[in-house]
Amino acid sequence: MQVIDNGEGFDLKALKENSKFGLGIKNMHNRAKLIGADFQINSTIGKGTTASISLPLISNAYEHPK
């Protein structure tokens, strides 16, 4: 799933440098990890932000008897 906007964007370095900035983004990352998903965020100042989460499908190895 992807969420894309064409807004202001922001500097991703600020997420690492300031513990108060981006708590919601860090929360999304932690929640994705809880369900085994991968969370990515990309942002370009003046162009917008893309947040994506991908959850791998796990096939059921058990087959019902015929």
PDB file of N, CA and C in Angstrom:
ATOM      1  N   MET A   1       0.846  -1.153   0.000  1.00  0.00           N
ATOM      2  CA  MET A   1       0.000   0.000   0.000  1.00  0.00           C
ATOM      3  C   MET A   1       0.896   1.221   0.000  1.00  0.00           C
ATOM      4  N   GLN A   2       0.527   2.215  -0.779  1.00  0.00           N
ATOM      5  CA  GLN A   2       1.278   3.460  -0.826  1.00  0.00           C
ATOM      6  C   GLN A   2       0.348   4.644  -0.603  1.00  0.00           C
ATOM      7  N   VAL A   3       0.874   5.621   0.104  1.00  0.00           N
ATOM      8  CA  VAL A   3       0.197   6.902   0.253  1.00  0.00           C
ATOM      9  C   VAL A   3       1.156   7.942  -0.299  1.00  0.00           C
ATOM     10  N   ILE A   4       0.694   8.705  -1.283  1.00  0.00           N
ATOM     11  CA  ILE A   4       1.551   9.676  -1.963  1.00  0.00           C
ATOM     12  C   ILE A   4       0.877  11.039  -1.917  1.00  0.00           C
ATOM     13  N   ASP A   5       1.682  12.063  -1.619  1.00  0.00           N
ATOM     14  CA  ASP A   5       1.156  13.418  -1.742  1.00  0.00           C
ATOM     15  C   ASP A   5       2.126  14.277  -2.542  1.00  0.00           C
ATOM     16  N   ASN A   6       1.649  15.387  -3.006  1.00  0.00           N
ATOM     17  CA  ASN A   6       2.503  16.302  -3.747  1.00  0.00           C
ATOM     18  C   ASN A   6       2.661  17.609  -2.965  1.00  0.00           C
ATOM     19  N   GLY A   7       2.766  17.463  -1.641  1.00  0.00           N
ATOM     20  CA  GLY A   7       2.851  18.615  -0.747  1.00  0.00           C
ATOM     21  C   GLY A   7       4.251  19.182  -0.634  1.00  0.00           C
ATOM     22  N   GLU A   8       4.552  19.707   0.525  1.00  0.00           N
ATOM     23  CA  GLU A   8       5.810  20.399   0.765  1.00  0.00           C
ATOM     24  C   GLU A   8       7.008  19.465   0.902  1.00  0.00           C
ATOM     25  N   GLY A   9       6.781  18.249   1.381  1.00  0.00           N
ATOM     26  CA  GLY A   9       7.894  17.344   1.653  1.00  0.00           C
ATOM     27  C   GLY A   9       8.660  17.797   2.883  1.00  0.00           C
ATOM     28  N   PHE A  10       9.661  17.036   3.276  1.00  0.00           N
ATOM     29  CA  PHE A  10      10.477  17.393   4.431  1.00  0.00           C
ATOM     30  C   PHE A  10      11.815  16.692   4.357  1.00  0.00           C
ATOM     31  N   ASP A  11      12.724  17.128   5.190  1.00  0.00           N
ATOM     32  CA  ASP A  11      14.074  16.573   5.239  1.00  0.00           C
ATOM     33  C   ASP A  11      14.068  15.343   6.138  1.00  0.00           C
ATOM     34  N   LEU A  12      14.338  14.174   5.584  1.00  0.00           N
ATOM     35  CA  LEU A  12      14.320  12.932   6.356  1.00  0.00           C
ATOM     36  C   LEU A  12      15.405  12.884   7.423  1.00  0.00           C
ATOM     37  N   LYS A  13      16.474  13.652   7.264  1.00  0.00           N
ATOM     38  CA  LYS A  13      17.530  13.674   8.279  1.00  0.00           C
ATOM     39  C   LYS A  13      16.994  14.149   9.622  1.00  0.00           C
ATOM     40  N   ALA A  14      15.979  14.991   9.599  1.00  0.00           N
ATOM     41  CA  ALA A  14      15.398  15.515  10.830  1.00  0.00           C
ATOM     42  C   ALA A  14      14.797  14.403  11.688  1.00  0.00           C
ATOM     43  N   LEU A  15      14.355  13.309  11.068  1.00  0.00           N
ATOM     44  CA  LEU A  15      13.810  12.183  11.831  1.00  0.00           C
ATOM     45  C   LEU A  15      14.853  11.583  12.760  1.00  0.00           C
ATOM     46  N   LYS A  16      16.089  11.525  12.309  1.00  0.00           N
ATOM     47  CA  LYS A  16      17.157  10.914  13.086  1.00  0.00           C
ATOM     48  C   LYS A  16      17.750  11.888  14.098  1.00  0.00           C
ATOM     49  N   GLU A  17      17.705  13.173  13.781  1.00  0.00           N
ATOM     50  CA  GLU A  17      18.363  14.168  14.616  1.00  0.00           C
ATOM     51  C   GLU A  17      17.496  14.683  15.753  1.00  0.00           C
ATOM     52  N   ASN A  18      16.182  14.650  15.612  1.00  0.00           N
ATOM     53  CA  ASN A  18      15.294  15.231  16.609  1.00  0.00           C
ATOM     54  C   ASN A  18      14.295  14.174  17.056  1.00  0.00           C
ATOM     55  N   SER A  19      14.387  13.761  18.319  1.00  0.00           N
ATOM     56  CA  SER A  19      13.536  12.677  18.810  1.00  0.00           C
ATOM     57  C   SER A  19      12.061  13.073  18.871  1.00  0.00           C
ATOM     58  N   LYS A  20      11.742  14.370  18.945  1.00  0.00           N
ATOM     59  CA  LYS A  20      10.341  14.782  19.005  1.00  0.00           C
ATOM     60  C   LYS A  20       9.707  14.842  17.621  1.00  0.00           C
ATOM     61  N   PHE A  21      10.504  15.081  16.595  1.00  0.00           N
ATOM     62  CA  PHE A  21       9.978  15.158  15.240  1.00  0.00           C
ATOM     63  C   PHE A  21       9.740  13.753  14.710  1.00  0.00           C
ATOM     64  N   GLY A  22       8.606  13.552  14.115  1.00  0.00           N
ATOM     65  CA  GLY A  22       8.357  12.294  13.429  1.00  0.00           C
ATOM     66  C   GLY A  22       7.933  11.135  14.316  1.00  0.00           C
ATOM     67  N   LEU A  23       7.380  11.413  15.491  1.00  0.00           N
ATOM     68  CA  LEU A  23       6.942  10.307  16.346  1.00  0.00           C
ATOM     69  C   LEU A  23       5.870   9.472  15.651  1.00  0.00           C
ATOM     70  N   GLY A  24       4.988  10.113  14.890  1.00  0.00           N
ATOM     71  CA  GLY A  24       3.960   9.372  14.149  1.00  0.00           C
ATOM     72  C   GLY A  24       4.582   8.460  13.103  1.00  0.00           C
ATOM     73  N   ILE A  25       5.607   8.950  12.420  1.00  0.00           N
ATOM     74  CA  ILE A  25       6.289   8.141  11.404  1.00  0.00           C
ATOM     75  C   ILE A  25       7.013   6.973  12.070  1.00  0.00           C
ATOM     76  N   LYS A  26       7.668   7.228  13.188  1.00  0.00           N
ATOM     77  CA  LYS A  26       8.341   6.142  13.907  1.00  0.00           C
ATOM     78  C   LYS A  26       7.334   5.118  14.403  1.00  0.00           C
ATOM     79  N   ASN A  27       6.150   5.586  14.808  1.00  0.00           N
ATOM     80  CA  ASN A  27       5.084   4.683  15.241  1.00  0.00           C
ATOM     81  C   ASN A  27       4.620   3.791  14.092  1.00  0.00           C
ATOM     82  N   MET A  28       4.463   4.374  12.890  1.00  0.00           N
ATOM     83  CA  MET A  28       4.063   3.572  11.729  1.00  0.00           C
ATOM     84  C   MET A  28       5.109   2.497  11.439  1.00  0.00           C
ATOM     85  N   HIS A  29       6.372   2.868  11.540  1.00  0.00           N
ATOM     86  CA  HIS A  29       7.458   1.907  11.316  1.00  0.00           C
ATOM     87  C   HIS A  29       7.383   0.766  12.336  1.00  0.00           C
ATOM     88  N   ASN A  30       7.209   1.108  13.602  1.00  0.00           N
ATOM     89  CA  ASN A  30       7.139   0.084  14.656  1.00  0.00           C
ATOM     90  C   ASN A  30       5.921  -0.817  14.496  1.00  0.00           C
ATOM     91  N   ARG A  31       4.795  -0.258  14.113  1.00  0.00           N
ATOM     92  CA  ARG A  31       3.592  -1.074  13.930  1.00  0.00           C
ATOM     93  C   ARG A  31       3.735  -2.009  12.732  1.00  0.00           C
ATOM     94  N   ALA A  32       4.385  -1.533  11.691  1.00  0.00           N
ATOM     95  CA  ALA A  32       4.633  -2.401  10.535  1.00  0.00           C
ATOM     96  C   ALA A  32       5.498  -3.585  10.947  1.00  0.00           C
ATOM     97  N   LYS A  33       6.534  -3.321  11.745  1.00  0.00           N
ATOM     98  CA  LYS A  33       7.402  -4.402  12.205  1.00  0.00           C
ATOM     99  C   LYS A  33       6.635  -5.431  13.012  1.00  0.00           C
ATOM    100  N   LEU A  34       5.660  -4.981  13.806  1.00  0.00           N
ATOM    101  CA  LEU A  34       4.877  -5.894  14.639  1.00  0.00           C
ATOM    102  C   LEU A  34       4.131  -6.941  13.809  1.00  0.00           C
ATOM    103  N   ILE A  35       3.731  -6.582  12.597  1.00  0.00           N
ATOM    104  CA  ILE A  35       2.990  -7.533  11.751  1.00  0.00           C
ATOM    105  C   ILE A  35       3.867  -8.149  10.665  1.00  0.00           C
ATOM    106  N   GLY A  36       5.176  -7.891  10.738  1.00  0.00           N
ATOM    107  CA  GLY A  36       6.098  -8.486   9.770  1.00  0.00           C
ATOM    108  C   GLY A  36       6.149  -7.754   8.445  1.00  0.00           C
ATOM    109  N   ALA A  37       5.733  -6.488   8.431  1.00  0.00           N
ATOM    110  CA  ALA A  37       5.724  -5.701   7.193  1.00  0.00           C
ATOM    111  C   ALA A  37       6.950  -4.800   7.124  1.00  0.00           C
ATOM    112  N   ASP A  38       7.174  -4.269   5.940  1.00  0.00           N
ATOM    113  CA  ASP A  38       8.266  -3.327   5.713  1.00  0.00           C
ATOM    114  C   ASP A  38       7.655  -1.954   5.481  1.00  0.00           C
ATOM    115  N   PHE A  39       8.160  -0.938   6.178  1.00  0.00           N
ATOM    116  CA  PHE A  39       7.674   0.428   6.036  1.00  0.00           C
ATOM    117  C   PHE A  39       8.784   1.286   5.468  1.00  0.00           C
ATOM    118  N   GLN A  40       8.480   2.025   4.422  1.00  0.00           N
ATOM    119  CA  GLN A  40       9.442   2.922   3.786  1.00  0.00           C
ATOM    120  C   GLN A  40       8.808   4.299   3.656  1.00  0.00           C
ATOM    121  N   ILE A  41       9.630   5.330   3.830  1.00  0.00           N
ATOM    122  CA  ILE A  41       9.147   6.682   3.589  1.00  0.00           C
ATOM    123  C   ILE A  41      10.207   7.442   2.807  1.00  0.00           C
ATOM    124  N   ASN A  42       9.770   8.136   1.794  1.00  0.00           N
ATOM    125  CA  ASN A  42      10.643   8.966   0.974  1.00  0.00           C
ATOM    126  C   ASN A  42       9.995  10.328   0.858  1.00  0.00           C
ATOM    127  N   SER A  43      10.815  11.362   0.966  1.00  0.00           N
ATOM    128  CA  SER A  43      10.290  12.709   0.874  1.00  0.00           C
ATOM    129  C   SER A  43      11.316  13.609   0.208  1.00  0.00           C
ATOM    130  N   THR A  44      10.833  14.502  -0.620  1.00  0.00           N
ATOM    131  CA  THR A  44      11.673  15.493  -1.283  1.00  0.00           C
ATOM    132  C   THR A  44      11.075  16.859  -1.021  1.00  0.00           C
ATOM    133  N   ILE A  45      11.872  17.744  -0.467  1.00  0.00           N
ATOM    134  CA  ILE A  45      11.395  19.082  -0.167  1.00  0.00           C
ATOM    135  C   ILE A  45      10.891  19.736  -1.453  1.00  0.00           C
ATOM    136  N   GLY A  46       9.681  20.253  -1.369  1.00  0.00           N
ATOM    137  CA  GLY A  46       9.063  20.913  -2.514  1.00  0.00           C
ATOM    138  C   GLY A  46       8.349  19.990  -3.486  1.00  0.00           C
ATOM    139  N   LYS A  47       8.459  18.679  -3.267  1.00  0.00           N
ATOM    140  CA  LYS A  47       7.836  17.734  -4.204  1.00  0.00           C
ATOM    141  C   LYS A  47       6.861  16.768  -3.549  1.00  0.00           C
ATOM    142  N   GLY A  48       6.953  16.546  -2.257  1.00  0.00           N
ATOM    143  CA  GLY A  48       5.999  15.675  -1.595  1.00  0.00           C
ATOM    144  C   GLY A  48       6.626  14.473  -0.922  1.00  0.00           C
ATOM    145  N   THR A  49       5.757  13.585  -0.470  1.00  0.00           N
ATOM    146  CA  THR A  49       6.160  12.439   0.337  1.00  0.00           C
ATOM    147  C   THR A  49       5.441  11.182  -0.140  1.00  0.00           C
ATOM    148  N   THR A  50       6.143  10.059  -0.071  1.00  0.00           N
ATOM    149  CA  THR A  50       5.561   8.751  -0.345  1.00  0.00           C
ATOM    150  C   THR A  50       5.833   7.853   0.845  1.00  0.00           C
ATOM    151  N   ALA A  51       4.779   7.298   1.408  1.00  0.00           N
ATOM    152  CA  ALA A  51       4.901   6.314   2.482  1.00  0.00           C
ATOM    153  C   ALA A  51       4.351   4.999   1.951  1.00  0.00           C
ATOM    154  N   SER A  52       5.101   3.920   2.141  1.00  0.00           N
ATOM    155  CA  SER A  52       4.623   2.632   1.648  1.00  0.00           C
ATOM    156  C   SER A  52       4.857   1.547   2.686  1.00  0.00           C
ATOM    157  N   ILE A  53       3.936   0.619   2.693  1.00  0.00           N
ATOM    158  CA  ILE A  53       4.043  -0.540   3.578  1.00  0.00           C
ATOM    159  C   ILE A  53       3.809  -1.777   2.713  1.00  0.00           C
ATOM    160  N   SER A  54       4.659  -2.763   2.893  1.00  0.00           N
ATOM    161  CA  SER A  54       4.472  -4.003   2.142  1.00  0.00           C
ATOM    162  C   SER A  54       4.504  -5.177   3.117  1.00  0.00           C
ATOM    163  N   LEU A  55       3.532  -6.026   2.965  1.00  0.00           N
ATOM    164  CA  LEU A  55       3.385  -7.197   3.807  1.00  0.00           C
ATOM    165  C   LEU A  55       3.474  -8.421   2.919  1.00  0.00           C
ATOM    166  N   PRO A  56       4.521  -9.214   3.105  1.00  0.00           N
ATOM    167  CA  PRO A  56       4.664 -10.388   2.239  1.00  0.00           C
ATOM    168  C   PRO A  56       3.562 -11.413   2.507  1.00  0.00           C
ATOM    169  N   LEU A  57       3.075 -12.004   1.426  1.00  0.00           N
ATOM    170  CA  LEU A  57       2.089 -13.071   1.553  1.00  0.00           C
ATOM    171  C   LEU A  57       2.812 -14.373   1.869  1.00  0.00           C
ATOM    172  N   ILE A  58       2.290 -15.070   2.819  1.00  0.00           N
ATOM    173  CA  ILE A  58       2.871 -16.356   3.195  1.00  0.00           C
ATOM    174  C   ILE A  58       1.885 -17.432   2.770  1.00  0.00           C
ATOM    175  N   SER A  59       2.343 -18.307   1.891  1.00  0.00           N
ATOM    176  CA  SER A  59       1.441 -19.366   1.435  1.00  0.00           C
ATOM    177  C   SER A  59       1.295 -20.415   2.530  1.00  0.00           C
ATOM    178  N   ASN A  60       0.144 -20.982   2.582  1.00  0.00           N
ATOM    179  CA  ASN A  60      -0.144 -22.007   3.569  1.00  0.00           C
ATOM    180  C   ASN A  60       0.409 -23.335   3.049  1.00  0.00           C
ATOM    181  N   ALA A  61       1.404 -23.863   3.712  1.00  0.00           N
ATOM    182  CA  ALA A  61       2.050 -25.089   3.261  1.00  0.00           C
ATOM    183  C   ALA A  61       1.149 -26.304   3.483  1.00  0.00           C
ATOM    184  N   TYR A  62       0.166 -26.177   4.355  1.00  0.00           N
ATOM    185  CA  TYR A  62      -0.726 -27.282   4.648  1.00  0.00           C
ATOM    186  C   TYR A  62      -1.760 -27.395   3.540  1.00  0.00           C
ATOM    187  N   GLU A  63      -1.904 -28.572   2.988  1.00  0.00           N
ATOM    188  CA  GLU A  63      -2.922 -28.814   1.980  1.00  0.00           C
ATOM    189  C   GLU A  63      -3.984 -29.732   2.583  1.00  0.00           C
ATOM    190  N   HIS A  64      -5.219 -29.425   2.310  1.00  0.00           N
ATOM    191  CA  HIS A  64      -6.311 -30.256   2.813  1.00  0.00           C
ATOM    192  C   HIS A  64      -6.277 -31.621   2.120  1.00  0.00           C
ATOM    193  N   PRO A  65      -6.547 -32.668   2.883  1.00  0.00           N
ATOM    194  CA  PRO A  65      -6.578 -34.003   2.245  1.00  0.00           C
ATOM    195  C   PRO A  65      -7.725 -34.077   1.249  1.00  0.00           C
ATOM    196  N   LYS A  66      -7.485 -34.838   0.183  1.00  0.00           N
ATOM    197  CA  LYS A  66      -8.509 -34.984  -0.868  1.00  0.00           C
ATOM    198  C   LYS A  66      -9.384 -36.174  -0.610  1.00  0.00           C
TER     199      LYS A  66
END
